[in-house]
N, C-alpha and C. Protein backbone atom coordinates (compact mmCIF):
# COMPACT_ATOMS: atom_id res chain seq x y z
N MET A 1 -38.65 19.26 -20.73
CA MET A 1 -38.53 18.29 -19.76
C MET A 1 -38.03 19.04 -18.62
N THR A 2 -38.14 18.98 -17.45
CA THR A 2 -37.75 19.20 -16.16
C THR A 2 -37.21 18.25 -15.30
N VAL A 3 -36.43 18.60 -14.24
CA VAL A 3 -35.81 17.59 -13.39
C VAL A 3 -36.09 18.24 -11.98
N ASP A 4 -36.62 17.43 -11.03
CA ASP A 4 -37.17 17.83 -9.83
C ASP A 4 -35.94 17.15 -8.94
N VAL A 5 -35.00 18.06 -8.30
CA VAL A 5 -34.01 17.52 -7.39
C VAL A 5 -34.18 17.05 -6.27
N ASN A 6 -35.38 17.96 -5.44
CA ASN A 6 -35.99 17.26 -4.47
C ASN A 6 -37.37 17.92 -4.54
N ASP A 7 -38.14 17.49 -3.51
CA ASP A 7 -39.66 18.01 -3.32
C ASP A 7 -39.70 19.45 -3.18
N SER A 8 -38.67 20.30 -2.40
CA SER A 8 -38.92 21.75 -2.00
C SER A 8 -37.88 22.64 -2.94
N ALA A 9 -37.23 21.69 -4.11
CA ALA A 9 -36.19 22.73 -4.96
C ALA A 9 -37.04 23.06 -6.22
N PRO A 10 -36.54 24.26 -6.68
CA PRO A 10 -37.28 24.71 -7.90
C PRO A 10 -37.02 23.78 -9.17
N MET A 11 -37.97 23.66 -9.93
CA MET A 11 -37.60 22.97 -11.18
C MET A 11 -36.51 23.50 -12.00
N ARG A 12 -35.91 22.82 -12.69
CA ARG A 12 -34.80 23.54 -13.71
C ARG A 12 -34.76 22.83 -14.95
N ARG A 13 -34.85 23.55 -16.10
CA ARG A 13 -34.89 22.92 -17.27
C ARG A 13 -33.69 22.26 -17.84
N VAL A 14 -33.77 21.15 -18.21
CA VAL A 14 -32.85 20.37 -18.67
C VAL A 14 -32.16 20.98 -19.85
N ILE A 15 -30.60 21.31 -20.33
CA ILE A 15 -30.08 21.61 -21.36
C ILE A 15 -30.41 20.88 -22.41
N ARG A 16 -31.20 21.21 -23.42
CA ARG A 16 -31.38 20.28 -24.43
C ARG A 16 -30.46 19.71 -25.14
N GLY A 17 -30.09 18.33 -25.33
CA GLY A 17 -29.06 17.91 -25.99
C GLY A 17 -27.80 17.56 -25.05
N PHE A 18 -27.87 18.16 -23.92
CA PHE A 18 -26.74 17.62 -22.72
C PHE A 18 -26.51 16.24 -22.94
N ARG A 19 -25.37 15.70 -22.91
CA ARG A 19 -24.95 14.25 -23.02
C ARG A 19 -24.05 14.08 -21.73
N PRO A 20 -24.66 13.65 -20.71
CA PRO A 20 -23.96 13.24 -19.52
C PRO A 20 -23.04 12.34 -19.84
N ASP A 21 -23.35 11.16 -20.65
CA ASP A 21 -22.05 10.05 -20.99
C ASP A 21 -20.80 10.80 -21.75
N LEU A 22 -21.08 11.72 -22.55
CA LEU A 22 -20.00 12.23 -23.21
C LEU A 22 -19.08 13.14 -22.31
N PHE A 23 -20.08 13.81 -21.40
CA PHE A 23 -19.32 14.83 -20.45
C PHE A 23 -18.22 13.80 -19.53
N ALA A 24 -18.92 12.63 -18.78
CA ALA A 24 -18.10 11.73 -17.98
C ALA A 24 -16.97 11.22 -19.03
N ALA A 25 -17.25 10.65 -20.26
CA ALA A 25 -16.27 10.15 -20.84
C ALA A 25 -14.93 11.29 -21.07
N ALA A 26 -15.28 12.52 -21.31
CA ALA A 26 -14.39 13.46 -21.53
C ALA A 26 -13.50 13.75 -20.13
N ARG A 27 -14.24 13.74 -19.13
CA ARG A 27 -13.60 13.86 -17.80
C ARG A 27 -12.67 12.38 -17.39
N GLN A 28 -13.20 11.48 -17.63
CA GLN A 28 -12.50 10.32 -17.45
C GLN A 28 -11.08 10.10 -18.26
N ALA A 29 -11.26 10.44 -19.61
CA ALA A 29 -10.09 10.51 -20.74
C ALA A 29 -9.05 11.33 -20.09
N ARG A 30 -9.35 12.51 -19.30
CA ARG A 30 -8.34 13.28 -18.75
C ARG A 30 -7.86 12.88 -17.57
N SER A 31 -8.24 11.70 -17.14
CA SER A 31 -7.90 11.20 -15.54
C SER A 31 -8.09 11.94 -14.64
N LEU A 32 -9.38 12.72 -14.66
CA LEU A 32 -9.62 13.56 -13.29
C LEU A 32 -10.86 13.03 -12.55
N SER A 33 -10.63 12.96 -11.34
CA SER A 33 -11.74 12.81 -10.59
C SER A 33 -12.93 13.89 -10.78
N ARG A 34 -14.08 13.24 -10.13
CA ARG A 34 -15.37 14.29 -9.95
C ARG A 34 -14.95 15.53 -9.19
N GLY A 35 -13.99 15.12 -8.07
CA GLY A 35 -13.67 16.26 -7.19
C GLY A 35 -12.67 17.12 -7.77
N GLU A 36 -11.77 16.73 -8.48
CA GLU A 36 -10.60 17.39 -9.24
C GLU A 36 -11.44 18.29 -10.38
N LEU A 37 -12.29 17.70 -10.83
CA LEU A 37 -12.69 18.61 -11.95
C LEU A 37 -13.58 19.58 -11.30
N GLY A 38 -14.23 19.18 -10.27
CA GLY A 38 -15.07 20.37 -9.51
C GLY A 38 -14.24 21.59 -8.94
N ARG A 39 -13.22 21.04 -8.47
CA ARG A 39 -12.27 22.41 -7.99
C ARG A 39 -11.63 22.91 -9.02
N LEU A 40 -11.19 22.42 -10.26
CA LEU A 40 -10.87 23.18 -11.38
C LEU A 40 -12.06 23.92 -11.89
N SER A 41 -12.97 23.77 -11.93
CA SER A 41 -14.31 24.48 -12.34
C SER A 41 -15.05 25.37 -11.35
N ASP A 42 -14.51 25.53 -10.32
CA ASP A 42 -15.24 26.37 -9.06
C ASP A 42 -16.64 25.68 -8.86
N THR A 43 -16.76 24.46 -8.93
CA THR A 43 -18.00 23.70 -8.44
C THR A 43 -17.53 22.65 -7.29
N THR A 44 -18.32 21.69 -7.46
CA THR A 44 -18.01 20.60 -6.28
C THR A 44 -18.25 19.23 -7.19
N GLY A 45 -17.25 18.20 -6.57
CA GLY A 45 -17.58 16.73 -7.20
C GLY A 45 -18.85 16.29 -7.24
N VAL A 46 -19.77 16.57 -5.96
CA VAL A 46 -21.08 16.18 -5.99
C VAL A 46 -21.91 16.60 -7.19
N THR A 47 -21.54 18.03 -7.47
CA THR A 47 -22.23 18.57 -8.40
C THR A 47 -21.93 17.69 -9.87
N ILE A 48 -20.75 17.66 -10.21
CA ILE A 48 -20.20 16.90 -11.26
C ILE A 48 -20.68 15.48 -11.29
N GLY A 49 -20.91 14.75 -10.25
CA GLY A 49 -21.32 13.58 -10.11
C GLY A 49 -23.23 13.58 -10.52
N ARG A 50 -23.70 14.64 -10.08
CA ARG A 50 -25.23 14.84 -10.25
C ARG A 50 -25.36 15.04 -11.72
N TRP A 51 -24.56 15.83 -12.54
CA TRP A 51 -24.49 16.19 -13.87
C TRP A 51 -24.24 14.69 -14.43
N GLU A 52 -23.39 13.98 -14.07
CA GLU A 52 -23.18 12.73 -14.91
C GLU A 52 -24.20 11.51 -14.67
N ASP A 53 -24.69 11.45 -13.53
CA ASP A 53 -25.69 10.29 -13.09
C ASP A 53 -26.99 10.79 -12.92
N GLY A 54 -27.27 12.21 -12.93
CA GLY A 54 -28.57 12.75 -12.72
C GLY A 54 -28.78 12.85 -11.06
N PRO A 55 -29.47 13.32 -10.54
CA PRO A 55 -30.60 14.00 -11.35
C PRO A 55 -30.64 15.46 -11.66
N ASN A 56 -29.33 16.00 -11.65
CA ASN A 56 -29.36 17.42 -12.12
C ASN A 56 -28.83 17.76 -13.40
N SER A 57 -29.30 18.95 -13.83
CA SER A 57 -28.63 19.41 -15.36
C SER A 57 -27.99 20.51 -14.97
N PRO A 58 -26.85 20.52 -15.46
CA PRO A 58 -25.94 21.94 -15.10
C PRO A 58 -26.50 23.13 -15.39
N GLN A 59 -26.09 24.16 -14.69
CA GLN A 59 -26.38 25.65 -15.15
C GLN A 59 -25.29 25.86 -16.30
N ILE A 60 -25.66 26.59 -17.44
CA ILE A 60 -24.74 26.80 -18.35
C ILE A 60 -23.63 27.38 -18.13
N ASP A 61 -23.38 28.12 -17.25
CA ASP A 61 -22.17 28.93 -16.90
C ASP A 61 -21.27 28.09 -16.34
N LYS A 62 -21.94 27.14 -15.21
CA LYS A 62 -20.96 26.26 -14.50
C LYS A 62 -20.39 25.03 -15.50
N LEU A 63 -21.52 24.71 -16.64
CA LEU A 63 -20.91 23.70 -17.46
C LEU A 63 -19.87 24.24 -18.39
N ALA A 64 -19.98 25.60 -18.75
CA ALA A 64 -18.91 26.40 -19.49
C ALA A 64 -17.47 26.16 -18.73
N ARG A 65 -17.54 26.57 -17.65
CA ARG A 65 -16.29 26.51 -16.73
C ARG A 65 -15.82 24.93 -16.72
N ALA A 66 -16.66 23.85 -16.70
CA ALA A 66 -16.10 22.66 -16.64
C ALA A 66 -15.64 22.13 -17.76
N THR A 67 -16.22 22.45 -19.09
CA THR A 67 -15.78 22.13 -20.48
C THR A 67 -14.45 22.88 -20.59
N ALA A 68 -14.45 24.01 -20.08
CA ALA A 68 -13.11 24.53 -20.24
C ALA A 68 -11.99 24.08 -19.60
N ALA A 69 -11.99 23.45 -18.20
CA ALA A 69 -11.02 22.92 -17.42
C ALA A 69 -10.69 21.57 -18.14
N LEU A 70 -11.74 20.83 -18.61
CA LEU A 70 -11.46 19.85 -19.52
C LEU A 70 -10.65 20.01 -20.93
N GLY A 71 -10.71 21.22 -21.36
CA GLY A 71 -10.43 21.49 -22.61
C GLY A 71 -11.00 20.96 -23.63
N ILE A 72 -12.27 21.06 -23.70
CA ILE A 72 -13.15 20.51 -24.67
C ILE A 72 -14.24 21.71 -24.96
N GLU A 73 -14.72 21.48 -26.11
CA GLU A 73 -15.94 22.58 -26.55
C GLU A 73 -17.27 22.19 -25.95
N MET A 74 -18.23 23.16 -25.85
CA MET A 74 -19.54 22.62 -25.39
C MET A 74 -20.06 21.69 -26.38
N SER A 75 -20.08 22.09 -27.70
CA SER A 75 -20.41 21.29 -28.85
C SER A 75 -20.07 19.61 -28.65
N ASP A 76 -18.98 19.34 -27.76
CA ASP A 76 -18.51 18.08 -27.42
C ASP A 76 -19.53 17.46 -26.48
N VAL A 77 -20.39 18.23 -25.92
CA VAL A 77 -21.27 17.59 -24.61
C VAL A 77 -22.66 17.96 -24.64
N ILE A 78 -22.91 19.04 -25.55
CA ILE A 78 -24.30 19.43 -26.16
C ILE A 78 -24.60 18.97 -27.68
N VAL A 79 -25.21 17.91 -27.71
CA VAL A 79 -25.38 17.61 -29.40
C VAL A 79 -26.83 17.95 -29.71
N VAL A 80 -27.19 18.43 -30.64
CA VAL A 80 -28.75 18.94 -31.32
C VAL A 80 -28.51 18.77 -32.66
N ASP A 81 -29.29 17.82 -33.26
CA ASP A 81 -29.36 17.82 -34.78
C ASP A 81 -29.48 19.36 -35.41
N PRO A 82 -28.73 19.67 -36.23
CA PRO A 82 -28.79 21.10 -36.90
C PRO A 82 -30.06 21.53 -37.31
N GLU A 83 -31.18 20.37 -37.64
CA GLU A 83 -32.54 20.82 -38.19
C GLU A 83 -33.21 20.94 -36.76
N LEU A 84 -32.77 20.80 -35.62
CA LEU A 84 -33.70 20.90 -34.38
C LEU A 84 -33.17 22.02 -33.48
N ARG A 85 -32.10 22.74 -33.80
CA ARG A 85 -31.66 23.78 -33.01
C ARG A 85 -32.44 24.88 -32.84
N PHE A 86 -32.58 25.32 -31.68
CA PHE A 86 -33.36 26.23 -31.08
C PHE A 86 -32.31 27.50 -30.95
N LEU A 87 -32.94 28.63 -30.90
CA LEU A 87 -31.88 29.82 -30.65
C LEU A 87 -31.05 29.58 -29.15
N SER A 88 -31.67 28.78 -28.12
CA SER A 88 -30.99 28.51 -26.82
C SER A 88 -29.88 27.58 -27.10
N TYR A 89 -29.72 26.69 -28.07
CA TYR A 89 -28.79 26.25 -28.45
C TYR A 89 -27.58 26.97 -28.75
N TRP A 90 -27.53 27.90 -29.46
CA TRP A 90 -26.50 28.87 -29.95
C TRP A 90 -25.97 29.31 -28.78
N ARG A 91 -27.05 29.92 -27.90
CA ARG A 91 -26.38 30.45 -26.80
C ARG A 91 -25.46 29.57 -25.73
N HIS A 92 -26.13 28.67 -25.71
CA HIS A 92 -25.13 27.54 -24.78
C HIS A 92 -24.00 27.13 -25.39
N MET A 93 -24.07 27.27 -26.69
CA MET A 93 -22.28 27.00 -27.33
C MET A 93 -21.57 28.05 -26.98
N LYS A 94 -22.15 29.31 -26.35
CA LYS A 94 -21.28 30.40 -26.13
C LYS A 94 -20.96 29.82 -24.52
N GLY A 95 -21.89 29.12 -24.11
CA GLY A 95 -21.77 29.13 -22.39
C GLY A 95 -22.46 30.56 -21.74
N TRP A 96 -23.38 31.02 -22.40
CA TRP A 96 -23.98 31.98 -21.73
C TRP A 96 -25.29 31.71 -21.17
N THR A 97 -25.49 32.71 -20.30
CA THR A 97 -27.02 32.55 -19.55
C THR A 97 -27.66 33.60 -20.34
N GLN A 98 -28.97 33.78 -20.24
CA GLN A 98 -29.84 34.69 -20.79
C GLN A 98 -29.23 35.97 -20.34
N PHE A 99 -28.91 36.20 -19.30
CA PHE A 99 -28.54 37.49 -18.78
C PHE A 99 -27.15 38.11 -19.58
N GLN A 100 -26.41 36.97 -19.76
CA GLN A 100 -25.12 37.49 -20.65
C GLN A 100 -25.47 37.72 -22.09
N LEU A 101 -26.45 36.86 -22.66
CA LEU A 101 -26.93 37.13 -24.22
C LEU A 101 -27.56 38.57 -24.11
N ALA A 102 -28.23 39.00 -23.11
CA ALA A 102 -28.59 40.25 -23.15
C ALA A 102 -27.84 41.41 -22.96
N ASP A 103 -26.79 41.21 -22.22
CA ASP A 103 -25.71 42.00 -22.11
C ASP A 103 -25.00 42.11 -23.38
N GLU A 104 -24.64 40.95 -24.07
CA GLU A 104 -23.99 41.19 -25.23
C GLU A 104 -24.48 41.84 -26.35
N THR A 105 -26.09 41.56 -26.30
CA THR A 105 -26.78 42.32 -27.48
C THR A 105 -27.38 43.66 -27.11
N GLY A 106 -27.45 44.11 -25.84
CA GLY A 106 -28.17 45.11 -25.44
C GLY A 106 -29.57 45.08 -25.29
N LEU A 107 -29.77 43.70 -25.42
CA LEU A 107 -31.43 43.69 -25.47
C LEU A 107 -31.94 43.46 -23.77
N SER A 108 -33.18 43.41 -23.52
CA SER A 108 -33.49 43.10 -22.16
C SER A 108 -33.66 41.54 -22.16
N LYS A 109 -33.38 41.08 -20.77
CA LYS A 109 -33.42 39.65 -20.69
C LYS A 109 -34.85 39.09 -20.79
N THR A 110 -35.82 39.75 -20.55
CA THR A 110 -37.21 39.40 -20.81
C THR A 110 -37.45 39.39 -22.37
N LEU A 111 -36.98 40.17 -23.04
CA LEU A 111 -37.16 40.25 -24.58
C LEU A 111 -36.40 38.93 -25.18
N VAL A 112 -35.24 38.75 -24.51
CA VAL A 112 -34.34 37.39 -25.02
C VAL A 112 -35.12 35.92 -24.74
N GLU A 113 -35.46 36.27 -23.55
CA GLU A 113 -36.53 35.15 -23.00
C GLU A 113 -37.67 34.81 -23.82
N GLN A 114 -38.48 35.65 -24.13
CA GLN A 114 -39.40 35.61 -25.08
C GLN A 114 -39.09 35.08 -26.26
N ILE A 115 -38.10 35.63 -26.87
CA ILE A 115 -37.60 35.44 -28.44
C ILE A 115 -37.12 33.97 -28.34
N GLU A 116 -36.31 33.30 -27.30
CA GLU A 116 -35.99 32.04 -27.13
C GLU A 116 -37.17 31.08 -27.04
N ARG A 117 -38.00 31.48 -26.44
CA ARG A 117 -39.11 30.78 -26.29
C ARG A 117 -40.24 30.89 -27.53
N GLY A 118 -40.00 31.67 -28.54
CA GLY A 118 -40.92 31.88 -29.78
C GLY A 118 -42.03 32.61 -29.18
N GLU A 119 -42.02 33.36 -28.15
CA GLU A 119 -43.36 34.11 -27.57
C GLU A 119 -43.41 35.40 -28.35
N ARG A 120 -42.32 35.81 -28.87
CA ARG A 120 -42.53 37.17 -29.63
C ARG A 120 -41.78 36.96 -30.77
N HIS A 121 -42.47 37.92 -31.88
CA HIS A 121 -41.97 37.74 -33.35
C HIS A 121 -40.38 38.27 -33.22
N LEU A 122 -39.84 38.00 -34.34
CA LEU A 122 -38.13 38.54 -34.32
C LEU A 122 -38.18 39.49 -35.40
N ASP A 123 -37.67 40.70 -35.27
CA ASP A 123 -37.55 41.73 -36.26
C ASP A 123 -36.07 41.75 -36.66
N ASP A 124 -36.06 42.67 -38.03
CA ASP A 124 -34.55 42.62 -38.34
C ASP A 124 -33.55 43.12 -37.44
N LYS A 125 -33.99 44.05 -36.66
CA LYS A 125 -32.99 44.67 -35.96
C LYS A 125 -32.44 43.78 -34.77
N VAL A 126 -33.41 43.03 -34.00
CA VAL A 126 -33.19 42.05 -32.93
C VAL A 126 -32.25 40.71 -33.51
N GLN A 127 -32.72 40.56 -34.78
CA GLN A 127 -32.20 39.14 -35.38
C GLN A 127 -30.70 39.43 -35.83
N ALA A 128 -30.57 40.88 -36.28
CA ALA A 128 -29.15 41.17 -36.70
C ALA A 128 -28.24 41.09 -35.29
N LYS A 129 -28.56 41.47 -34.13
CA LYS A 129 -27.92 41.76 -32.94
C LYS A 129 -27.75 40.42 -32.47
N LEU A 130 -28.60 39.53 -32.49
CA LEU A 130 -28.61 38.18 -31.96
C LEU A 130 -27.38 37.20 -32.85
N ALA A 131 -27.58 37.41 -34.14
CA ALA A 131 -26.66 36.85 -35.14
C ALA A 131 -25.23 37.51 -34.64
N ALA A 132 -25.00 38.78 -34.74
CA ALA A 132 -23.72 38.95 -34.26
C ALA A 132 -23.16 38.69 -33.07
N ALA A 133 -24.00 38.55 -31.91
CA ALA A 133 -23.43 38.25 -30.72
C ALA A 133 -23.23 36.50 -30.68
N LEU A 134 -23.99 36.03 -31.29
CA LEU A 134 -23.88 34.47 -31.40
C LEU A 134 -22.92 34.00 -32.40
N GLY A 135 -22.65 34.75 -33.38
CA GLY A 135 -21.49 34.27 -34.21
C GLY A 135 -22.17 33.41 -35.36
N ILE A 136 -23.53 33.62 -35.69
CA ILE A 136 -23.89 32.80 -36.53
C ILE A 136 -24.71 33.93 -37.48
N SER A 137 -25.10 33.09 -38.82
CA SER A 137 -25.96 33.99 -39.73
C SER A 137 -27.07 34.45 -39.21
N GLU A 138 -27.55 35.53 -39.82
CA GLU A 138 -29.05 36.06 -39.45
C GLU A 138 -30.03 34.86 -40.00
N ASP A 139 -29.88 34.35 -41.25
CA ASP A 139 -30.66 32.80 -41.65
C ASP A 139 -30.73 32.18 -40.72
N GLU A 140 -29.58 31.78 -40.06
CA GLU A 140 -29.62 30.76 -38.73
C GLU A 140 -30.54 31.32 -37.67
N VAL A 141 -30.45 32.51 -37.25
CA VAL A 141 -31.29 33.05 -36.26
C VAL A 141 -32.42 32.84 -36.57
N ARG A 142 -33.19 33.26 -37.74
CA ARG A 142 -34.18 33.37 -38.37
C ARG A 142 -34.93 31.90 -38.36
N ASP A 143 -33.94 30.90 -38.81
CA ASP A 143 -34.48 29.66 -38.90
C ASP A 143 -34.68 28.82 -37.53
N ALA A 144 -34.00 29.23 -36.59
CA ALA A 144 -33.96 28.64 -35.33
C ALA A 144 -35.25 29.22 -34.46
N HIS A 145 -35.24 30.52 -34.72
CA HIS A 145 -36.80 31.01 -34.00
C HIS A 145 -37.75 30.41 -34.75
N ALA A 146 -37.90 30.21 -35.98
CA ALA A 146 -38.94 29.76 -36.75
C ALA A 146 -39.33 28.01 -36.16
N ARG A 147 -38.18 27.56 -35.75
CA ARG A 147 -38.35 26.23 -35.34
C ARG A 147 -38.80 26.07 -33.88
N VAL A 148 -38.49 27.26 -33.07
CA VAL A 148 -39.08 27.21 -31.88
C VAL A 148 -40.37 27.54 -31.78
N ARG A 149 -40.81 28.60 -32.43
CA ARG A 149 -42.02 28.89 -32.59
C ARG A 149 -43.07 27.89 -33.24
N ALA A 150 -42.52 26.64 -33.85
CA ALA A 150 -43.45 25.64 -34.41
C ALA A 150 -43.36 24.45 -33.57
N ARG A 151 -42.63 24.71 -32.53
CA ARG A 151 -42.66 23.37 -31.71
C ARG A 151 -43.82 22.87 -31.26
N PRO A 152 -44.14 21.48 -30.78
CA PRO A 152 -45.34 21.23 -30.29
C PRO A 152 -45.55 21.78 -28.93
N ALA A 153 -46.62 21.92 -28.67
CA ALA A 153 -47.06 22.57 -27.20
C ALA A 153 -46.31 21.53 -26.08
N GLY A 154 -45.90 22.10 -25.17
CA GLY A 154 -45.42 21.36 -24.10
C GLY A 154 -43.81 20.90 -24.30
N THR A 155 -43.24 21.25 -25.48
CA THR A 155 -41.87 21.26 -25.86
C THR A 155 -41.13 22.21 -25.17
N HIS A 156 -40.10 21.97 -24.42
CA HIS A 156 -39.27 23.05 -24.01
C HIS A 156 -38.54 23.67 -24.97
N ALA A 157 -38.20 25.03 -24.98
CA ALA A 157 -37.09 25.73 -25.77
C ALA A 157 -36.00 25.78 -25.36
């Protein structure tokens, strides 16, 4: 799924499992305005509002700053059934971009992209690097990769 912010803006993929309602509830529970959370997370109140109300999906690094400012975990606002988790879910739980995961693993960003989309096979060496960086088992890396490779056509990773 993609979100078209306006006719001239590039398309951005929606973070699978991002729950704007849970994000808004966490902000409200801490009695923060959108503007105040924007200030605390080095973004803007308008951006926070777009995450909560649409049409924008957050960039993962900005969402990580906002959840840190709220004192919550990424898993509090990104909810994906364990049997449906792709590799990108685990990266999102770290609050990392693909560039950051590439840096953590010593892999190229292109390889990280291709592995996350299931376009490349996963060898033991890459699997071990991803597991170590993401803090999950090699079995979970392999299973998440198998799920993304088996997803129906047109389903985003």
